[in-house]
Amino acid sequence: MASKKPKAKIAAKLPKVTYVYSKKAEPYQRTLHRLWNKGLIVDNRNDAESAMKTIGYYRLLIYMRHFQSKQAPWNFLPRTKFSFIVAVYNFDREIRLVTLNAIEKLEVALRTAIINPLAELHTPHWYLDTSHFDDEVKHHGVMGKIIQGAGVKKGLALTHYFDRYHAPVLPPIWLVCEKLTFGALSRLFEALKIDRRKIVARYIWSYPEHLLVSWFHSLAHLRNICAHQDRLWNNPITAFSPETHRMYSAEFANPTSFYSRAVVVQLLLRELGLDSWWRDSLLALFASCTHVDPRTHLGFPVSWDSRPVWA
């Protein structure tokens, strides 16, 4: 009779070590002096104090790390000036703003593509009909967002509808879509039956509907990053990676990069006639800050603007 193998002993789980947070807040002038002691050159005292007062040390800290040694006590690299840190912060702010500007144009285009062709083919209230959607669950999800946006009287147009009409219970598609966020619009688009999605897609774009579903989700997430002042500079984007376009597969090699999403914006804006505006805006931004490396910090390949997707 074979002998039983002895059971392996299960290692006792060590208790999690926690600490008491003991750091204290300090006046921004004292913080600036502490940074000076770490080797930071304060090239303009008034500007530096203004930045510490209005932007804040904690928000600037992540940009400082780029100019500091990788080991404690985190001294600054030789000849680092406070203005370098603010320059990178301002670059990050500007690239968020230009990205928001680009995504706004695509949001308006998607809203119009959802409104016009389906309203013309069916009725201005087609969205109330479950038959236009993949299933009832998705339709209920869409309706929840629509009721949340349009169920409360906001603005003259909605107020006029609810005051004047008693049926249908909700306004036409062009009114409710104006109250939906980009994220909600992208989910409405995804929830449609595939033949309806194709109609919406073909209204403006020539890309397959499944690509557009992925791309609009990705850009809605990118828009939220920009709107909430999160970083684009030197910050991988791990959620909602855009699906790869087979013709431009090399451009999607790094799905966590800002570059892959910038390519999506470029491809979508191309069919709005705005692709050169987007490319030139990025080129101007990169030229404005010598402390930013588009390849390292944003995932842009060398000579990116000469690649076919940007032509």
C-alpha atoms as a PDB file:
ATOM      1  CA  MET A   1       0.000   0.000   0.000  1.00  0.00           C
ATOM      2  CA  ALA A   2       1.441   3.342  -1.075  1.00  0.00           C
ATOM      3  CA  SER A   3       2.210   5.683   1.723  1.00  0.00           C
ATOM      4  CA  LYS A   4       0.382   8.991   1.777  1.00  0.00           C
ATOM      5  CA  LYS A   5       2.369  12.077   0.915  1.00  0.00           C
ATOM      6  CA  PRO A   6       2.698  14.434   3.829  1.00  0.00           C
ATOM      7  CA  LYS A   7       0.583  17.545   3.404  1.00  0.00           C
ATOM      8  CA  ALA A   8       2.564  20.668   2.708  1.00  0.00           C
ATOM      9  CA  LYS A   9       2.423  23.144   5.514  1.00  0.00           C
ATOM     10  CA  ILE A  10       0.622  26.335   4.672  1.00  0.00           C
ATOM     11  CA  ALA A  11       2.745  29.317   5.572  1.00  0.00           C
ATOM     12  CA  ALA A  12       1.127  31.526   8.128  1.00  0.00           C
ATOM     13  CA  LYS A  13      -0.029  34.778   6.601  1.00  0.00           C
ATOM     14  CA  LEU A  14       1.893  37.634   8.096  1.00  0.00           C
ATOM     15  CA  PRO A  15      -0.160  40.577   9.270  1.00  0.00           C
ATOM     16  CA  LYS A  16      -0.075  43.591   7.009  1.00  0.00           C
ATOM     17  CA  VAL A  17       2.240  46.276   8.307  1.00  0.00           C
ATOM     18  CA  THR A  18       0.640  49.697   8.443  1.00  0.00           C
ATOM     19  CA  TYR A  19       1.965  53.019   9.597  1.00  0.00           C
ATOM     20  CA  VAL A  20       0.662  56.228  11.047  1.00  0.00           C
ATOM     21  CA  TYR A  21       0.885  59.110   8.584  1.00  0.00           C
ATOM     22  CA  SER A  22       2.975  61.730  10.328  1.00  0.00           C
ATOM     23  CA  LYS A  23       3.893  64.231   7.610  1.00  0.00           C
ATOM     24  CA  LYS A  24       2.840  67.794   8.340  1.00  0.00           C
ATOM     25  CA  ALA A  25       1.757  70.527   6.006  1.00  0.00           C
ATOM     26  CA  GLU A  26       4.154  73.422   5.655  1.00  0.00           C
ATOM     27  CA  PRO A  27       3.991  76.905   4.098  1.00  0.00           C
ATOM     28  CA  TYR A  28       4.870  76.893   0.401  1.00  0.00           C
ATOM     29  CA  GLN A  29       7.794  79.264   1.065  1.00  0.00           C
ATOM     30  CA  ARG A  30       9.361  76.685   3.391  1.00  0.00           C
ATOM     31  CA  THR A  31       8.763  73.926   0.852  1.00  0.00           C
ATOM     32  CA  LEU A  32      10.489  76.003  -1.828  1.00  0.00           C
ATOM     33  CA  HIS A  33      13.460  76.523   0.500  1.00  0.00           C
ATOM     34  CA  ARG A  34      13.638  72.774   1.111  1.00  0.00           C
ATOM     35  CA  LEU A  35      13.738  72.160  -2.636  1.00  0.00           C
ATOM     36  CA  TRP A  36      16.519  74.733  -2.935  1.00  0.00           C
ATOM     37  CA  ASN A  37      18.473  72.762  -0.318  1.00  0.00           C
ATOM     38  CA  LYS A  38      18.145  69.720  -2.599  1.00  0.00           C
ATOM     39  CA  GLY A  39      19.908  71.577  -5.413  1.00  0.00           C
ATOM     40  CA  LEU A  40      16.997  73.177  -7.274  1.00  0.00           C
ATOM     41  CA  ILE A  41      17.873  76.528  -8.831  1.00  0.00           C
ATOM     42  CA  VAL A  42      15.122  79.030  -8.112  1.00  0.00           C
ATOM     43  CA  ASP A  43      15.674  81.222 -11.150  1.00  0.00           C
ATOM     44  CA  ASN A  44      12.797  83.601 -10.420  1.00  0.00           C
ATOM     45  CA  ARG A  45      11.669  83.743  -6.807  1.00  0.00           C
ATOM     46  CA  ASN A  46       8.374  85.533  -7.504  1.00  0.00           C
ATOM     47  CA  ASP A  47       7.377  83.141 -10.292  1.00  0.00           C
ATOM     48  CA  ALA A  48       8.362  80.128  -8.198  1.00  0.00           C
ATOM     49  CA  GLU A  49       6.341  81.270  -5.193  1.00  0.00           C
ATOM     50  CA  SER A  50       3.367  82.052  -7.431  1.00  0.00           C
ATOM     51  CA  ALA A  51       3.514  78.534  -8.916  1.00  0.00           C
ATOM     52  CA  MET A  52       3.773  76.936  -5.477  1.00  0.00           C
ATOM     53  CA  LYS A  53       0.843  79.016  -4.272  1.00  0.00           C
ATOM     54  CA  THR A  54      -1.498  78.574  -7.258  1.00  0.00           C
ATOM     55  CA  ILE A  55      -0.534  75.158  -8.677  1.00  0.00           C
ATOM     56  CA  GLY A  56       0.626  73.520  -5.478  1.00  0.00           C
ATOM     57  CA  TYR A  57       3.600  71.405  -4.477  1.00  0.00           C
ATOM     58  CA  TYR A  58       1.797  68.067  -4.725  1.00  0.00           C
ATOM     59  CA  ARG A  59       0.690  68.636  -8.338  1.00  0.00           C
ATOM     60  CA  LEU A  60       4.163  69.827  -9.331  1.00  0.00           C
ATOM     61  CA  LEU A  61       5.880  66.956  -7.510  1.00  0.00           C
ATOM     62  CA  ILE A  62       5.379  64.363 -10.257  1.00  0.00           C
ATOM     63  CA  TYR A  63       7.010  66.724 -12.763  1.00  0.00           C
ATOM     64  CA  MET A  64       9.896  67.367 -10.345  1.00  0.00           C
ATOM     65  CA  ARG A  65      10.684  63.634 -10.240  1.00  0.00           C
ATOM     66  CA  HIS A  66      11.825  63.868 -13.864  1.00  0.00           C
ATOM     67  CA  PHE A  67      14.622  66.210 -12.771  1.00  0.00           C
ATOM     68  CA  GLN A  68      15.656  64.370  -9.588  1.00  0.00           C
ATOM     69  CA  SER A  69      18.024  61.505  -8.856  1.00  0.00           C
ATOM     70  CA  LYS A  70      16.426  58.072  -8.583  1.00  0.00           C
ATOM     71  CA  GLN A  71      17.568  57.476  -5.002  1.00  0.00           C
ATOM     72  CA  ALA A  72      17.019  59.170  -1.648  1.00  0.00           C
ATOM     73  CA  PRO A  73      17.400  61.966  -0.748  1.00  0.00           C
ATOM     74  CA  TRP A  74      16.112  62.718  -4.268  1.00  0.00           C
ATOM     75  CA  ASN A  75      18.438  65.640  -4.965  1.00  0.00           C
ATOM     76  CA  PHE A  76      17.928  67.566  -8.172  1.00  0.00           C
ATOM     77  CA  LEU A  77      20.131  66.918 -11.168  1.00  0.00           C
ATOM     78  CA  PRO A  78      22.811  69.575 -11.770  1.00  0.00           C
ATOM     79  CA  ARG A  79      21.627  72.885 -13.283  1.00  0.00           C
ATOM     80  CA  THR A  80      17.937  72.070 -12.823  1.00  0.00           C
ATOM     81  CA  LYS A  81      15.833  75.222 -12.636  1.00  0.00           C
ATOM     82  CA  PHE A  82      12.383  75.627 -11.145  1.00  0.00           C
ATOM     83  CA  SER A  83      11.222  77.051 -14.486  1.00  0.00           C
ATOM     84  CA  PHE A  84      12.003  73.663 -16.114  1.00  0.00           C
ATOM     85  CA  ILE A  85       9.438  71.994 -13.861  1.00  0.00           C
ATOM     86  CA  VAL A  86       6.772  74.596 -14.635  1.00  0.00           C
ATOM     87  CA  ALA A  87       7.535  74.279 -18.361  1.00  0.00           C
ATOM     88  CA  VAL A  88       6.777  70.540 -18.316  1.00  0.00           C
ATOM     89  CA  TYR A  89       3.644  71.149 -16.226  1.00  0.00           C
ATOM     90  CA  ASN A  90       2.473  73.763 -18.730  1.00  0.00           C
ATOM     91  CA  PHE A  91       3.208  71.428 -21.639  1.00  0.00           C
ATOM     92  CA  ASP A  92       1.075  68.725 -20.033  1.00  0.00           C
ATOM     93  CA  ARG A  93      -1.712  71.234 -19.504  1.00  0.00           C
ATOM     94  CA  GLU A  94      -1.547  72.427 -23.117  1.00  0.00           C
ATOM     95  CA  ILE A  95      -1.577  68.932 -24.605  1.00  0.00           C
ATOM     96  CA  ARG A  96      -4.650  68.124 -22.516  1.00  0.00           C
ATOM     97  CA  LEU A  97      -6.372  71.243 -23.832  1.00  0.00           C
ATOM     98  CA  VAL A  98      -5.589  70.564 -27.494  1.00  0.00           C
ATOM     99  CA  THR A  99      -6.661  66.939 -27.031  1.00  0.00           C
ATOM    100  CA  LEU A 100      -9.952  68.074 -25.498  1.00  0.00           C
ATOM    101  CA  ASN A 101     -10.420  70.406 -28.449  1.00  0.00           C
ATOM    102  CA  ALA A 102      -9.891  67.548 -30.905  1.00  0.00           C
ATOM    103  CA  ILE A 103     -12.159  65.131 -29.038  1.00  0.00           C
ATOM    104  CA  GLU A 104     -14.900  67.777 -28.825  1.00  0.00           C
ATOM    105  CA  LYS A 105     -14.982  67.901 -32.635  1.00  0.00           C
ATOM    106  CA  LEU A 106     -15.328  64.108 -32.766  1.00  0.00           C
ATOM    107  CA  GLU A 107     -17.993  64.115 -30.056  1.00  0.00           C
ATOM    108  CA  VAL A 108     -20.110  66.582 -32.038  1.00  0.00           C
ATOM    109  CA  ALA A 109     -19.630  64.478 -35.196  1.00  0.00           C
ATOM    110  CA  LEU A 110     -20.649  61.253 -33.439  1.00  0.00           C
ATOM    111  CA  ARG A 111     -23.708  62.939 -31.943  1.00  0.00           C
ATOM    112  CA  THR A 112     -24.786  64.116 -35.389  1.00  0.00           C
ATOM    113  CA  ALA A 113     -24.140  60.687 -36.928  1.00  0.00           C
ATOM    114  CA  ILE A 114     -26.385  59.072 -34.313  1.00  0.00           C
ATOM    115  CA  ILE A 115     -29.116  61.675 -34.719  1.00  0.00           C
ATOM    116  CA  ASN A 116     -29.513  62.338 -38.438  1.00  0.00           C
ATOM    117  CA  PRO A 117     -29.602  59.069 -40.406  1.00  0.00           C
ATOM    118  CA  LEU A 118     -31.654  57.033 -37.932  1.00  0.00           C
ATOM    119  CA  ALA A 119     -34.144  59.842 -37.361  1.00  0.00           C
ATOM    120  CA  GLU A 120     -34.590  60.177 -41.122  1.00  0.00           C
ATOM    121  CA  LEU A 121     -35.025  56.418 -41.628  1.00  0.00           C
ATOM    122  CA  HIS A 122     -37.309  55.872 -38.660  1.00  0.00           C
ATOM    123  CA  THR A 123     -38.730  58.632 -36.414  1.00  0.00           C
ATOM    124  CA  PRO A 124     -37.281  61.319 -34.147  1.00  0.00           C
ATOM    125  CA  HIS A 125     -38.178  59.008 -31.252  1.00  0.00           C
ATOM    126  CA  TRP A 126     -36.642  55.813 -32.663  1.00  0.00           C
ATOM    127  CA  TYR A 127     -34.527  55.349 -29.522  1.00  0.00           C
ATOM    128  CA  LEU A 128     -37.670  54.469 -27.518  1.00  0.00           C
ATOM    129  CA  ASP A 129     -38.064  51.297 -29.613  1.00  0.00           C
ATOM    130  CA  THR A 130     -36.154  48.289 -28.243  1.00  0.00           C
ATOM    131  CA  SER A 131     -35.986  46.733 -31.725  1.00  0.00           C
ATOM    132  CA  HIS A 132     -33.166  49.114 -32.690  1.00  0.00           C
ATOM    133  CA  PHE A 133     -30.901  47.731 -29.955  1.00  0.00           C
ATOM    134  CA  ASP A 134     -28.991  44.486 -29.449  1.00  0.00           C
ATOM    135  CA  ASP A 135     -31.116  43.457 -26.488  1.00  0.00           C
ATOM    136  CA  GLU A 136     -33.406  44.817 -23.778  1.00  0.00           C
ATOM    137  CA  VAL A 137     -30.632  45.018 -21.177  1.00  0.00           C
ATOM    138  CA  LYS A 138     -28.549  47.335 -23.360  1.00  0.00           C
ATOM    139  CA  HIS A 139     -31.648  49.350 -24.218  1.00  0.00           C
ATOM    140  CA  HIS A 140     -32.469  49.779 -20.526  1.00  0.00           C
ATOM    141  CA  GLY A 141     -28.913  50.956 -19.875  1.00  0.00           C
ATOM    142  CA  VAL A 142     -29.167  53.544 -22.633  1.00  0.00           C
ATOM    143  CA  MET A 143     -32.566  54.708 -21.449  1.00  0.00           C
ATOM    144  CA  GLY A 144     -31.232  55.153 -17.935  1.00  0.00           C
ATOM    145  CA  LYS A 145     -28.623  57.600 -19.239  1.00  0.00           C
ATOM    146  CA  ILE A 146     -31.171  59.380 -21.414  1.00  0.00           C
ATOM    147  CA  ILE A 147     -33.675  59.764 -18.570  1.00  0.00           C
ATOM    148  CA  GLN A 148     -30.894  60.983 -16.298  1.00  0.00           C
ATOM    149  CA  GLY A 149     -29.881  63.627 -18.853  1.00  0.00           C
ATOM    150  CA  ALA A 150     -33.253  64.639 -20.244  1.00  0.00           C
ATOM    151  CA  GLY A 151     -35.633  63.769 -17.414  1.00  0.00           C
ATOM    152  CA  VAL A 152     -34.707  66.957 -15.612  1.00  0.00           C
ATOM    153  CA  LYS A 153     -35.582  70.217 -17.328  1.00  0.00           C
ATOM    154  CA  LYS A 154     -32.320  71.782 -18.458  1.00  0.00           C
ATOM    155  CA  GLY A 155     -32.233  74.709 -20.828  1.00  0.00           C
ATOM    156  CA  LEU A 156     -34.890  76.331 -22.959  1.00  0.00           C
ATOM    157  CA  ALA A 157     -35.296  73.528 -25.512  1.00  0.00           C
ATOM    158  CA  LEU A 158     -36.059  70.777 -23.000  1.00  0.00           C
ATOM    159  CA  THR A 159     -38.251  73.055 -20.923  1.00  0.00           C
ATOM    160  CA  HIS A 160     -40.209  73.992 -24.061  1.00  0.00           C
ATOM    161  CA  TYR A 161     -40.738  70.333 -24.992  1.00  0.00           C
ATOM    162  CA  PHE A 162     -42.005  69.266 -21.580  1.00  0.00           C
ATOM    163  CA  ASP A 163     -44.235  72.342 -21.276  1.00  0.00           C
ATOM    164  CA  ARG A 164     -45.786  71.986 -24.734  1.00  0.00           C
ATOM    165  CA  TYR A 165     -45.995  68.217 -25.425  1.00  0.00           C
ATOM    166  CA  HIS A 166     -47.371  65.374 -23.341  1.00  0.00           C
ATOM    167  CA  ALA A 167     -46.369  62.571 -25.736  1.00  0.00           C
ATOM    168  CA  PRO A 168     -43.993  60.960 -26.348  1.00  0.00           C
ATOM    169  CA  VAL A 169     -42.860  61.134 -22.752  1.00  0.00           C
ATOM    170  CA  LEU A 170     -39.295  62.031 -23.771  1.00  0.00           C
ATOM    171  CA  PRO A 171     -38.041  64.543 -26.364  1.00  0.00           C
ATOM    172  CA  PRO A 172     -36.776  63.678 -29.892  1.00  0.00           C
ATOM    173  CA  ILE A 173     -33.342  62.156 -30.352  1.00  0.00           C
ATOM    174  CA  TRP A 174     -31.659  65.468 -31.213  1.00  0.00           C
ATOM    175  CA  LEU A 175     -32.674  66.942 -27.868  1.00  0.00           C
ATOM    176  CA  VAL A 176     -31.759  63.976 -25.672  1.00  0.00           C
ATOM    177  CA  CYS A 177     -28.396  63.445 -27.414  1.00  0.00           C
ATOM    178  CA  GLU A 178     -27.376  67.000 -26.575  1.00  0.00           C
ATOM    179  CA  LYS A 179     -27.575  66.053 -22.890  1.00  0.00           C
ATOM    180  CA  LEU A 180     -25.494  62.880 -23.183  1.00  0.00           C
ATOM    181  CA  THR A 181     -21.794  62.817 -22.365  1.00  0.00           C
ATOM    182  CA  PHE A 182     -19.296  61.446 -24.868  1.00  0.00           C
ATOM    183  CA  GLY A 183     -19.084  58.275 -22.780  1.00  0.00           C
ATOM    184  CA  ALA A 184     -22.857  57.855 -22.864  1.00  0.00           C
ATOM    185  CA  LEU A 185     -22.910  58.504 -26.623  1.00  0.00           C
ATOM    186  CA  SER A 186     -20.252  55.834 -27.166  1.00  0.00           C
ATOM    187  CA  ARG A 187     -22.297  53.345 -25.136  1.00  0.00           C
ATOM    188  CA  LEU A 188     -25.462  54.240 -27.053  1.00  0.00           C
ATOM    189  CA  PHE A 189     -23.593  53.587 -30.310  1.00  0.00           C
ATOM    190  CA  GLU A 190     -22.313  50.239 -29.028  1.00  0.00           C
ATOM    191  CA  ALA A 191     -25.796  49.193 -27.847  1.00  0.00           C
ATOM    192  CA  LEU A 192     -27.348  49.539 -31.317  1.00  0.00           C
ATOM    193  CA  LYS A 193     -27.962  46.541 -33.532  1.00  0.00           C
ATOM    194  CA  ILE A 194     -25.091  45.996 -35.952  1.00  0.00           C
ATOM    195  CA  ASP A 195     -27.008  47.201 -39.008  1.00  0.00           C
ATOM    196  CA  ARG A 196     -27.888  50.435 -37.177  1.00  0.00           C
ATOM    197  CA  ARG A 197     -24.253  50.852 -36.092  1.00  0.00           C
ATOM    198  CA  LYS A 198     -23.199  50.499 -39.731  1.00  0.00           C
ATOM    199  CA  ILE A 199     -25.626  53.229 -40.742  1.00  0.00           C
ATOM    200  CA  VAL A 200     -24.220  55.564 -38.079  1.00  0.00           C
ATOM    201  CA  ALA A 201     -20.612  54.672 -38.973  1.00  0.00           C
ATOM    202  CA  ARG A 202     -21.080  55.240 -42.722  1.00  0.00           C
ATOM    203  CA  TYR A 203     -22.704  58.633 -42.166  1.00  0.00           C
ATOM    204  CA  ILE A 204     -19.249  60.199 -41.672  1.00  0.00           C
ATOM    205  CA  TRP A 205     -16.536  57.528 -41.429  1.00  0.00           C
ATOM    206  CA  SER A 206     -15.358  54.665 -43.631  1.00  0.00           C
ATOM    207  CA  TYR A 207     -14.059  52.462 -40.809  1.00  0.00           C
ATOM    208  CA  PRO A 208     -15.744  49.233 -39.632  1.00  0.00           C
ATOM    209  CA  GLU A 209     -18.294  49.761 -36.885  1.00  0.00           C
ATOM    210  CA  HIS A 210     -16.429  47.474 -34.434  1.00  0.00           C
ATOM    211  CA  LEU A 211     -13.349  49.694 -34.750  1.00  0.00           C
ATOM    212  CA  LEU A 212     -15.425  52.788 -34.076  1.00  0.00           C
ATOM    213  CA  VAL A 213     -16.971  51.196 -30.968  1.00  0.00           C
ATOM    214  CA  SER A 214     -13.487  50.562 -29.543  1.00  0.00           C
ATOM    215  CA  TRP A 215     -12.121  53.929 -30.615  1.00  0.00           C
ATOM    216  CA  PHE A 216     -14.981  55.984 -29.202  1.00  0.00           C
ATOM    217  CA  HIS A 217     -14.735  54.153 -25.856  1.00  0.00           C
ATOM    218  CA  SER A 218     -10.989  54.824 -25.819  1.00  0.00           C
ATOM    219  CA  LEU A 219     -11.414  58.516 -26.616  1.00  0.00           C
ATOM    220  CA  ALA A 220     -14.204  58.942 -24.067  1.00  0.00           C
ATOM    221  CA  HIS A 221     -11.784  57.651 -21.427  1.00  0.00           C
ATOM    222  CA  LEU A 222      -9.038  59.933 -22.766  1.00  0.00           C
ATOM    223  CA  ARG A 223     -11.426  62.871 -22.605  1.00  0.00           C
ATOM    224  CA  ASN A 224     -12.103  62.165 -18.937  1.00  0.00           C
ATOM    225  CA  ILE A 225      -8.366  62.068 -18.228  1.00  0.00           C
ATOM    226  CA  CYS A 226      -7.978  65.490 -19.824  1.00  0.00           C
ATOM    227  CA  ALA A 227     -11.097  66.989 -18.231  1.00  0.00           C
ATOM    228  CA  HIS A 228     -10.037  65.924 -14.727  1.00  0.00           C
ATOM    229  CA  GLN A 229      -6.477  67.241 -15.076  1.00  0.00           C
ATOM    230  CA  ASP A 230      -4.795  63.863 -14.938  1.00  0.00           C
ATOM    231  CA  ARG A 231      -1.450  63.527 -16.712  1.00  0.00           C
ATOM    232  CA  LEU A 232      -0.881  62.670 -20.346  1.00  0.00           C
ATOM    233  CA  TRP A 233       2.858  63.311 -20.073  1.00  0.00           C
ATOM    234  CA  ASN A 234       4.841  60.249 -18.984  1.00  0.00           C
ATOM    235  CA  ASN A 235       1.754  58.354 -17.841  1.00  0.00           C
ATOM    236  CA  PRO A 236       0.681  54.996 -19.358  1.00  0.00           C
ATOM    237  CA  ILE A 237      -3.051  54.742 -20.118  1.00  0.00           C
ATOM    238  CA  THR A 238      -3.997  51.207 -19.143  1.00  0.00           C
ATOM    239  CA  ALA A 239      -7.767  51.269 -19.713  1.00  0.00           C
ATOM    240  CA  PHE A 240      -9.765  51.115 -22.963  1.00  0.00           C
ATOM    241  CA  SER A 241      -6.869  50.440 -25.342  1.00  0.00           C
ATOM    242  CA  PRO A 242      -7.970  51.186 -28.933  1.00  0.00           C
ATOM    243  CA  GLU A 243      -8.438  48.262 -31.295  1.00  0.00           C
ATOM    244  CA  THR A 244      -5.750  48.018 -33.981  1.00  0.00           C
ATOM    245  CA  HIS A 245      -6.406  49.148 -37.530  1.00  0.00           C
ATOM    246  CA  ARG A 246      -4.833  46.481 -39.749  1.00  0.00           C
ATOM    247  CA  MET A 247      -3.482  48.982 -42.284  1.00  0.00           C
ATOM    248  CA  TYR A 248      -1.726  50.929 -39.513  1.00  0.00           C
ATOM    249  CA  SER A 249      -0.922  48.104 -37.104  1.00  0.00           C
ATOM    250  CA  ALA A 250       2.568  49.468 -36.323  1.00  0.00           C
ATOM    251  CA  GLU A 251       0.993  52.629 -34.914  1.00  0.00           C
ATOM    252  CA  PHE A 252      -0.841  50.577 -32.268  1.00  0.00           C
ATOM    253  CA  ALA A 253       2.200  48.615 -31.094  1.00  0.00           C
ATOM    254  CA  ASN A 254       2.111  50.295 -27.676  1.00  0.00           C
ATOM    255  CA  PRO A 255      -1.580  50.272 -26.659  1.00  0.00           C
ATOM    256  CA  THR A 256      -0.953  52.073 -23.343  1.00  0.00           C
ATOM    257  CA  SER A 257       0.652  55.094 -25.017  1.00  0.00           C
ATOM    258  CA  PHE A 258      -0.885  58.453 -25.732  1.00  0.00           C
ATOM    259  CA  TYR A 259       0.469  58.008 -29.269  1.00  0.00           C
ATOM    260  CA  SER A 260      -1.881  55.138 -30.103  1.00  0.00           C
ATOM    261  CA  ARG A 261      -4.819  57.326 -29.109  1.00  0.00           C
ATOM    262  CA  ALA A 262      -3.401  60.314 -31.014  1.00  0.00           C
ATOM    263  CA  VAL A 263      -3.406  58.064 -34.102  1.00  0.00           C
ATOM    264  CA  VAL A 264      -7.085  57.272 -33.510  1.00  0.00           C
ATOM    265  CA  VAL A 265      -7.836  60.998 -33.316  1.00  0.00           C
ATOM    266  CA  GLN A 266      -5.850  61.517 -36.521  1.00  0.00           C
ATOM    267  CA  LEU A 267      -7.738  58.805 -38.419  1.00  0.00           C
ATOM    268  CA  LEU A 268     -11.140  60.041 -37.269  1.00  0.00           C
ATOM    269  CA  LEU A 269     -10.378  63.709 -37.905  1.00  0.00           C
ATOM    270  CA  ARG A 270      -9.032  62.875 -41.375  1.00  0.00           C
ATOM    271  CA  GLU A 271     -12.570  62.276 -42.601  1.00  0.00           C
ATOM    272  CA  LEU A 272     -13.641  65.583 -41.084  1.00  0.00           C
ATOM    273  CA  GLY A 273     -10.831  67.349 -42.964  1.00  0.00           C
ATOM    274  CA  LEU A 274      -9.056  68.302 -39.716  1.00  0.00           C
ATOM    275  CA  ASP A 275      -6.156  65.846 -39.650  1.00  0.00           C
ATOM    276  CA  SER A 276      -3.506  68.436 -40.583  1.00  0.00           C
ATOM    277  CA  TRP A 277      -4.733  70.730 -37.797  1.00  0.00           C
ATOM    278  CA  TRP A 278      -4.242  67.967 -35.235  1.00  0.00           C
ATOM    279  CA  ARG A 279      -0.774  67.032 -36.555  1.00  0.00           C
ATOM    280  CA  ASP A 280       0.388  70.654 -36.691  1.00  0.00           C
ATOM    281  CA  SER A 281      -0.949  71.332 -33.182  1.00  0.00           C
ATOM    282  CA  LEU A 282       1.106  68.449 -31.796  1.00  0.00           C
ATOM    283  CA  LEU A 283       4.227  69.510 -33.697  1.00  0.00           C
ATOM    284  CA  ALA A 284       3.924  73.041 -32.320  1.00  0.00           C
ATOM    285  CA  LEU A 285       3.487  71.743 -28.782  1.00  0.00           C
ATOM    286  CA  PHE A 286       6.524  69.459 -28.972  1.00  0.00           C
ATOM    287  CA  ALA A 287       8.622  72.341 -30.272  1.00  0.00           C
ATOM    288  CA  SER A 288       7.497  74.548 -27.375  1.00  0.00           C
ATOM    289  CA  CYS A 289       9.152  72.505 -24.600  1.00  0.00           C
ATOM    290  CA  THR A 290      12.669  71.121 -24.931  1.00  0.00           C
ATOM    291  CA  HIS A 291      12.290  69.162 -21.684  1.00  0.00           C
ATOM    292  CA  VAL A 292       9.681  66.851 -23.198  1.00  0.00           C
ATOM    293  CA  ASP A 293      10.759  63.848 -25.263  1.00  0.00           C
ATOM    294  CA  PRO A 294       7.713  62.769 -27.333  1.00  0.00           C
ATOM    295  CA  ARG A 295       9.204  59.285 -27.786  1.00  0.00           C
ATOM    296  CA  THR A 296       9.935  58.582 -24.118  1.00  0.00           C
ATOM    297  CA  HIS A 297       7.132  60.543 -22.487  1.00  0.00           C
ATOM    298  CA  LEU A 298       4.241  60.011 -24.935  1.00  0.00           C
ATOM    299  CA  GLY A 299       5.212  57.004 -27.061  1.00  0.00           C
ATOM    300  CA  PHE A 300       5.707  58.860 -30.371  1.00  0.00           C
ATOM    301  CA  PRO A 301       8.149  57.108 -32.729  1.00  0.00           C
ATOM    302  CA  VAL A 302      11.076  58.960 -34.279  1.00  0.00           C
ATOM    303  CA  SER A 303       9.990  61.091 -37.279  1.00  0.00           C
ATOM    304  CA  TRP A 304       6.376  60.231 -36.467  1.00  0.00           C
ATOM    305  CA  ASP A 305       4.953  63.075 -38.561  1.00  0.00           C
ATOM    306  CA  SER A 306       6.423  61.631 -41.771  1.00  0.00           C
ATOM    307  CA  ARG A 307       4.709  58.266 -41.353  1.00  0.00           C
ATOM    308  CA  PRO A 308       1.813  57.464 -43.738  1.00  0.00           C
ATOM    309  CA  VAL A 309      -0.899  57.817 -41.082  1.00  0.00           C
ATOM    310  CA  TRP A 310       0.108  61.453 -40.545  1.00  0.00           C
ATOM    311  CA  ALA A 311       0.593  62.326 -44.225  1.00  0.00           C
END
